[in-house]
Amino acid sequence: MLRSRARRFCSGSAAIFVGLAIGTTVLSAEPSTSRGQISVAQAMMILDQAATNPAARQTLTAYLAGTGETAGWLLDVATDQGLLRHPCTRRLSLDDKSARQALGSTAPGRAAETAATPLIVADMLKRAGCRLTDR
């Protein structure tokens, strides 16, 4: 079972890598965080361009797919380690609207230095009614 999770994590990481490789020109206008993470500014730029730019749409699809797979993997690990208080009340879900909403509360001056993925994953878990322990 652990191998299955590792494969899912790797496939999610691969989706992000492929999406970023394809969309390098799309992402180049906004910087990553100083730690090399995808910034809120980058993610919002992709979200804005996806409706009219095929490369941005492909990048967004790969990024959201990888983020969703990562959230599922994290939830599986939390369950295995007894960190999940109760089963989630709803299924994990992610689309461009929910991603935009999760990122929208970031202060404009912090968008370039705030990592987007943890905000999206936290929002996914919250919307699904997942409650983790504090240990």
Protein backbone atom coordinates (compact mmCIF):
# COMPACT_ATOMS: atom_id res chain seq x y z
CA MET A 1 0.00 0.00 0.00
CA LEU A 2 2.88 2.37 0.74
CA ARG A 3 4.23 1.85 -2.78
CA SER A 4 0.87 2.86 -4.22
CA ARG A 5 0.98 6.12 -2.29
CA ALA A 6 4.56 6.73 -3.36
CA ARG A 7 3.56 6.24 -6.99
CA ARG A 8 0.64 8.63 -6.61
CA PHE A 9 2.95 11.23 -5.04
CA CYS A 10 5.50 10.76 -7.80
CA SER A 11 2.84 11.03 -10.49
CA GLY A 12 1.57 14.23 -8.87
CA SER A 13 5.08 15.60 -8.76
CA ALA A 14 5.60 14.56 -12.37
CA ALA A 15 2.42 16.35 -13.39
CA ILE A 16 3.63 19.53 -11.73
CA PHE A 17 7.07 19.19 -13.35
CA VAL A 18 5.61 18.60 -16.82
CA GLY A 19 3.19 21.46 -16.40
CA LEU A 20 5.91 23.80 -15.28
CA ALA A 21 8.22 22.69 -18.08
CA ILE A 22 5.51 23.33 -20.65
CA GLY A 23 4.49 26.60 -19.09
CA THR A 24 7.91 28.06 -18.37
CA THR A 25 7.24 30.99 -20.67
CA VAL A 26 3.87 31.50 -19.02
CA LEU A 27 5.35 31.53 -15.53
CA SER A 28 8.41 33.59 -16.30
CA ALA A 29 6.62 36.92 -15.86
CA GLU A 30 6.05 36.29 -12.14
CA PRO A 31 8.77 35.09 -9.77
CA SER A 32 8.78 32.00 -7.59
CA THR A 33 9.18 32.52 -3.88
CA SER A 34 12.73 32.98 -2.59
CA ARG A 35 12.58 29.28 -1.64
CA GLY A 36 11.69 28.27 -5.23
CA GLN A 37 8.04 27.47 -4.51
CA ILE A 38 5.20 28.40 -6.85
CA SER A 39 4.05 31.77 -5.59
CA VAL A 40 0.51 33.06 -5.25
CA ALA A 41 1.41 35.67 -7.87
CA GLN A 42 2.44 32.93 -10.33
CA ALA A 43 -0.66 30.84 -9.68
CA MET A 44 -2.97 33.84 -10.04
CA MET A 45 -1.26 34.77 -13.31
CA ILE A 46 -1.83 31.24 -14.65
CA LEU A 47 -5.46 31.37 -13.51
CA ASP A 48 -5.92 34.72 -15.26
CA GLN A 49 -4.32 33.57 -18.52
CA ALA A 50 -5.86 30.08 -18.71
CA ALA A 51 -9.07 31.23 -20.41
CA THR A 52 -7.24 32.62 -23.44
CA ASN A 53 -3.80 31.00 -23.48
CA PRO A 54 -3.55 27.25 -24.27
CA ALA A 55 -0.10 26.95 -22.66
CA ALA A 56 -1.38 28.57 -19.46
CA ARG A 57 -4.44 26.28 -19.48
CA GLN A 58 -2.21 23.22 -19.84
CA THR A 59 0.07 24.46 -17.06
CA LEU A 60 -2.92 25.16 -14.81
CA THR A 61 -4.37 21.71 -15.44
CA ALA A 62 -1.08 20.01 -14.58
CA TYR A 63 -0.55 22.18 -11.50
CA LEU A 64 -4.05 21.61 -10.11
CA ALA A 65 -3.86 17.87 -10.84
CA GLY A 66 -0.54 17.59 -9.02
CA THR A 67 -1.81 19.67 -6.12
CA GLY A 68 -4.93 17.50 -5.83
CA GLU A 69 -2.90 14.29 -5.88
CA THR A 70 -0.56 15.70 -3.25
CA ALA A 71 -3.49 16.59 -1.00
CA GLY A 72 -4.86 13.06 -1.35
CA TRP A 73 -1.48 11.57 -0.53
CA LEU A 74 -1.11 13.79 2.54
CA LEU A 75 -4.56 12.75 3.72
CA ASP A 76 -3.67 9.05 3.27
CA VAL A 77 -0.48 9.52 5.32
CA ALA A 78 -2.39 11.44 8.02
CA THR A 79 -4.93 8.61 8.19
CA ASP A 80 -2.21 5.94 8.45
CA GLN A 81 -0.45 7.84 11.23
CA GLY A 82 -3.62 8.44 13.22
CA LEU A 83 -3.61 12.18 12.64
CA LEU A 84 -7.10 12.29 11.14
CA ARG A 85 -9.65 12.86 13.91
CA HIS A 86 -12.68 11.74 11.89
CA PRO A 87 -13.22 10.78 8.26
CA CYS A 88 -13.69 13.76 5.98
CA THR A 89 -17.35 14.65 5.51
CA ARG A 90 -17.00 15.31 1.77
CA ARG A 91 -14.69 14.29 -1.05
CA LEU A 92 -11.61 16.34 -1.83
CA SER A 93 -12.21 18.58 -4.83
CA LEU A 94 -10.29 21.22 -6.71
CA ASP A 95 -10.99 23.43 -9.70
CA ASP A 96 -9.89 26.82 -10.92
CA LYS A 97 -12.61 28.66 -8.98
CA SER A 98 -11.74 27.06 -5.65
CA ALA A 99 -8.02 27.61 -6.28
CA ARG A 100 -8.63 31.29 -7.02
CA GLN A 101 -10.74 31.61 -3.87
CA ALA A 102 -8.06 29.92 -1.73
CA LEU A 103 -5.40 32.28 -3.05
CA GLY A 104 -7.55 35.40 -3.01
CA SER A 105 -7.06 36.20 0.66
CA THR A 106 -3.31 36.73 0.25
CA ALA A 107 -2.28 40.35 0.73
CA PRO A 108 -1.14 41.80 -2.63
CA GLY A 109 2.24 42.79 -1.19
CA ARG A 110 2.87 39.19 -0.08
CA ALA A 111 1.72 37.38 -3.26
CA ALA A 112 5.22 37.02 -4.70
CA GLU A 113 6.64 35.52 -1.50
CA THR A 114 3.69 33.36 -0.39
CA ALA A 115 3.65 29.73 -1.54
CA ALA A 116 0.43 28.87 -3.36
CA THR A 117 0.27 25.09 -2.95
CA PRO A 118 -0.06 24.95 0.88
CA LEU A 119 -2.93 27.47 0.72
CA ILE A 120 -4.76 25.42 -1.90
CA VAL A 121 -4.22 22.12 -0.05
CA ALA A 122 -5.39 23.62 3.26
CA ASP A 123 -8.50 24.97 1.54
CA MET A 124 -9.22 21.57 -0.04
CA LEU A 125 -9.00 19.83 3.34
CA LYS A 126 -11.19 22.47 4.97
CA ARG A 127 -13.89 22.28 2.26
CA ALA A 128 -13.89 18.48 2.55
CA GLY A 129 -14.47 18.72 6.31
CA CYS A 130 -11.20 17.01 7.19
CA ARG A 131 -9.99 17.59 10.73
CA LEU A 132 -6.45 16.69 11.69
CA THR A 133 -5.06 16.34 15.21
CA ASP A 134 -2.58 18.87 16.57
CA ARG A 135 0.21 16.46 17.40
